[in-house]
Amino acid sequence: VQLNAGQAMTSIDLDAVRQRVEAVGWVKSVRVVRLLPNTLIVDVIEHDRMAVWQTGGRNVVIDGHGKVIAGADAGRYPNLPLVVGEGAEQAAAEILPLVAQRPRLMSRLEALVRVDDRRWDLRLKDGSLIQLPATNQDAALIQLDEMDQRRRLLELGFARIDLRTPEEVAVRPSAGDA
């Protein structure tokens, strides 16, 4: 915002100030208030950052509606979950709350990978892969929770857990365990 020292408060165009601040990509909304004799209050609300979306070889920050937050540096948000793949930005709002309810899983999560814009694979930090079904992801994650509580499955390390068919859960051990 360009203001000159000594500029009269009454000569400041509040609408122009608001528009300039709103032009910053990470700003969701702004309120500008003049308090006479010499105070200008600029109240900024940022976009809610939901995840980092990996697309086209680059990482961008997205909000809860899957919209890219212009000007937000993905490198500054290492604690945001990483979603990858076509359609991941739009579908992330459905899956992330389900995963966030499971702290043991969330702490091991490296990325959520959208497969064919219809289902998710969860890639863990140890290289394990959890394949979720296209529908009823919550039921599949409950099933995973139950297996983890009984056998501490997430600590064992595995190549893949296939939860796509609820009646036939398939667990493939890692190459070193075979």
Protein backbone atom coordinates (compact mmCIF):
# COMPACT_ATOMS: atom_id res chain seq x y z
CA VAL A 1 0.00 0.00 0.00
CA GLN A 2 1.54 3.29 -1.03
CA LEU A 3 0.93 6.06 1.45
CA ASN A 4 2.95 9.23 1.76
CA ALA A 5 4.31 10.53 5.05
CA GLY A 6 2.18 13.42 6.17
CA GLN A 7 -0.70 12.44 3.88
CA ALA A 8 -4.04 13.50 5.32
CA MET A 9 -6.00 10.50 6.63
CA THR A 10 -9.13 11.77 4.92
CA SER A 11 -7.40 11.66 1.52
CA ILE A 12 -6.65 7.92 1.71
CA ASP A 13 -8.86 5.90 -0.65
CA LEU A 14 -9.89 2.98 1.60
CA ASP A 15 -11.36 1.04 -1.33
CA ALA A 16 -8.07 1.28 -3.24
CA VAL A 17 -6.13 0.10 -0.16
CA ARG A 18 -8.52 -2.85 0.24
CA GLN A 19 -8.20 -3.82 -3.45
CA ARG A 20 -4.40 -3.69 -3.36
CA VAL A 21 -4.22 -5.92 -0.29
CA GLU A 22 -6.81 -8.35 -1.72
CA ALA A 23 -4.63 -8.69 -4.82
CA VAL A 24 -2.08 -10.59 -2.71
CA GLY A 25 -2.74 -14.28 -3.47
CA TRP A 26 -2.83 -15.63 0.07
CA VAL A 27 -5.32 -12.98 1.23
CA LYS A 28 -8.89 -14.26 1.44
CA SER A 29 -10.47 -11.02 2.60
CA VAL A 30 -9.49 -7.67 4.02
CA ARG A 31 -11.19 -4.94 6.00
CA VAL A 32 -9.77 -1.41 6.04
CA VAL A 33 -10.86 1.06 8.71
CA ARG A 34 -9.81 4.66 9.23
CA LEU A 35 -9.56 5.85 12.86
CA LEU A 36 -9.11 9.56 13.01
CA PRO A 37 -6.90 11.38 13.61
CA ASN A 38 -3.98 9.18 12.47
CA THR A 39 -4.66 5.42 12.39
CA LEU A 40 -5.38 3.07 9.51
CA ILE A 41 -6.38 -0.49 10.48
CA VAL A 42 -5.94 -3.22 7.87
CA ASP A 43 -7.49 -6.51 9.05
CA VAL A 44 -6.45 -9.44 6.85
CA ILE A 45 -7.88 -12.96 6.78
CA GLU A 46 -5.73 -15.51 4.99
CA HIS A 47 -6.98 -18.46 2.95
CA ASP A 48 -7.13 -21.67 4.98
CA ARG A 49 -4.31 -23.90 3.81
CA MET A 50 -5.47 -27.52 3.52
CA ALA A 51 -2.69 -29.36 1.69
CA VAL A 52 0.20 -29.19 -0.72
CA TRP A 53 -0.79 -30.49 -4.15
CA GLN A 54 1.91 -31.96 -6.37
CA THR A 55 0.99 -31.35 -9.99
CA GLY A 56 2.99 -30.96 -13.17
CA GLY A 57 6.28 -31.41 -11.33
CA ARG A 58 5.64 -28.58 -8.89
CA ASN A 59 4.11 -28.21 -5.46
CA VAL A 60 1.37 -25.66 -4.77
CA VAL A 61 -0.69 -24.90 -1.67
CA ILE A 62 -4.45 -25.46 -1.92
CA ASP A 63 -7.33 -24.33 0.24
CA GLY A 64 -10.30 -26.36 1.51
CA HIS A 65 -12.07 -25.97 -1.83
CA GLY A 66 -9.13 -27.29 -3.84
CA LYS A 67 -8.21 -23.85 -5.17
CA VAL A 68 -4.54 -22.98 -5.57
CA ILE A 69 -3.50 -20.20 -3.20
CA ALA A 70 -1.48 -17.89 -5.42
CA GLY A 71 1.76 -16.70 -3.88
CA ALA A 72 1.78 -19.32 -1.11
CA ASP A 73 5.20 -21.02 -1.01
CA ALA A 74 4.65 -24.76 -0.51
CA GLY A 75 8.11 -25.06 1.04
CA ARG A 76 6.98 -22.93 3.97
CA TYR A 77 4.33 -25.49 4.96
CA PRO A 78 6.12 -28.81 5.55
CA ASN A 79 3.42 -29.93 8.00
CA LEU A 80 0.63 -29.80 5.42
CA PRO A 81 -0.29 -33.17 3.93
CA LEU A 82 0.92 -33.84 0.39
CA VAL A 83 -1.70 -34.85 -2.19
CA VAL A 84 -0.60 -36.05 -5.61
CA GLY A 85 -2.31 -36.70 -8.90
CA GLU A 86 -5.03 -35.52 -11.22
CA GLY A 87 -8.15 -34.55 -9.30
CA ALA A 88 -6.37 -34.75 -5.94
CA GLU A 89 -6.90 -31.05 -5.26
CA GLN A 90 -10.69 -31.41 -5.54
CA ALA A 91 -11.01 -34.75 -3.72
CA ALA A 92 -8.62 -33.96 -0.85
CA ALA A 93 -11.29 -32.25 1.26
CA GLU A 94 -13.14 -35.57 1.57
CA ILE A 95 -10.23 -37.87 2.45
CA LEU A 96 -8.05 -35.65 4.63
CA PRO A 97 -10.48 -35.43 7.58
CA LEU A 98 -10.83 -39.23 7.55
CA VAL A 99 -7.06 -39.70 7.69
CA ALA A 100 -6.59 -36.90 10.24
CA GLN A 101 -8.84 -38.81 12.67
CA ARG A 102 -6.15 -41.50 12.80
CA PRO A 103 -3.01 -40.01 14.38
CA ARG A 104 -0.98 -43.24 14.12
CA LEU A 105 -1.61 -43.32 10.38
CA MET A 106 -1.25 -39.55 9.92
CA SER A 107 2.17 -39.51 11.62
CA ARG A 108 3.45 -42.12 9.17
CA LEU A 109 1.89 -40.59 6.06
CA GLU A 110 4.14 -39.28 3.30
CA ALA A 111 1.53 -38.61 0.60
CA LEU A 112 -2.00 -39.30 -0.54
CA VAL A 113 -1.92 -40.29 -4.20
CA ARG A 114 -5.06 -39.96 -6.32
CA VAL A 115 -5.44 -42.94 -8.65
CA ASP A 116 -7.45 -42.53 -11.87
CA ASP A 117 -9.29 -39.61 -10.24
CA ARG A 118 -11.48 -42.09 -8.36
CA ARG A 119 -9.63 -43.56 -5.37
CA TRP A 120 -6.60 -43.01 -3.10
CA ASP A 121 -3.34 -44.76 -2.32
CA LEU A 122 -1.68 -43.74 0.95
CA ARG A 123 2.12 -43.77 0.70
CA LEU A 124 3.82 -44.06 4.08
CA LYS A 125 7.24 -42.71 5.06
CA ASP A 126 8.67 -46.24 5.26
CA GLY A 127 7.68 -46.93 1.64
CA SER A 128 4.56 -48.95 2.47
CA LEU A 129 1.46 -48.47 0.35
CA ILE A 130 -2.17 -48.63 1.51
CA GLN A 131 -4.70 -48.94 -1.30
CA LEU A 132 -8.15 -47.58 -0.47
CA PRO A 133 -11.37 -48.40 -2.32
CA ALA A 134 -13.12 -45.89 -4.57
CA THR A 135 -16.06 -45.74 -2.13
CA ASN A 136 -16.43 -46.28 1.62
CA GLN A 137 -12.94 -45.05 2.46
CA ASP A 138 -14.02 -44.49 6.07
CA ALA A 139 -15.02 -48.15 6.44
CA ALA A 140 -11.68 -49.22 4.95
CA LEU A 141 -9.79 -46.96 7.36
CA ILE A 142 -11.79 -48.36 10.29
CA GLN A 143 -10.80 -51.84 9.11
CA LEU A 144 -7.16 -50.71 8.96
CA ASP A 145 -7.45 -49.27 12.49
CA GLU A 146 -8.78 -52.59 13.80
CA MET A 147 -5.96 -54.56 12.16
CA ASP A 148 -3.42 -52.07 13.50
CA GLN A 149 -4.81 -52.30 17.04
CA ARG A 150 -4.69 -56.11 16.99
CA ARG A 151 -1.31 -56.57 15.27
CA ARG A 152 0.41 -53.13 15.33
CA LEU A 153 0.34 -53.44 11.55
CA LEU A 154 1.61 -49.93 10.83
CA GLU A 155 4.79 -50.65 12.79
CA LEU A 156 5.61 -53.87 10.95
CA GLY A 157 6.53 -52.43 7.58
CA PHE A 158 5.00 -53.96 4.50
CA ALA A 159 5.02 -53.47 0.76
CA ARG A 160 1.27 -53.06 0.41
CA ILE A 161 -2.08 -53.39 2.12
CA ASP A 162 -4.93 -53.66 -0.36
CA LEU A 163 -8.22 -52.54 1.20
CA ARG A 164 -10.08 -52.15 -2.08
CA THR A 165 -12.23 -55.24 -1.44
CA PRO A 166 -13.49 -55.25 2.17
CA GLU A 167 -14.01 -59.03 2.28
CA GLU A 168 -10.49 -59.77 1.00
CA VAL A 169 -7.84 -57.61 2.62
CA ALA A 170 -4.47 -58.45 1.10
CA VAL A 171 -1.20 -57.68 2.89
CA ARG A 172 2.04 -58.04 0.96
CA PRO A 173 5.14 -58.13 3.19
CA SER A 174 8.13 -56.04 2.27
CA ALA A 175 10.84 -57.74 0.19
CA GLY A 176 13.06 -58.25 3.25
CA ASP A 177 10.28 -60.10 5.11
CA ALA A 178 9.33 -62.48 2.30
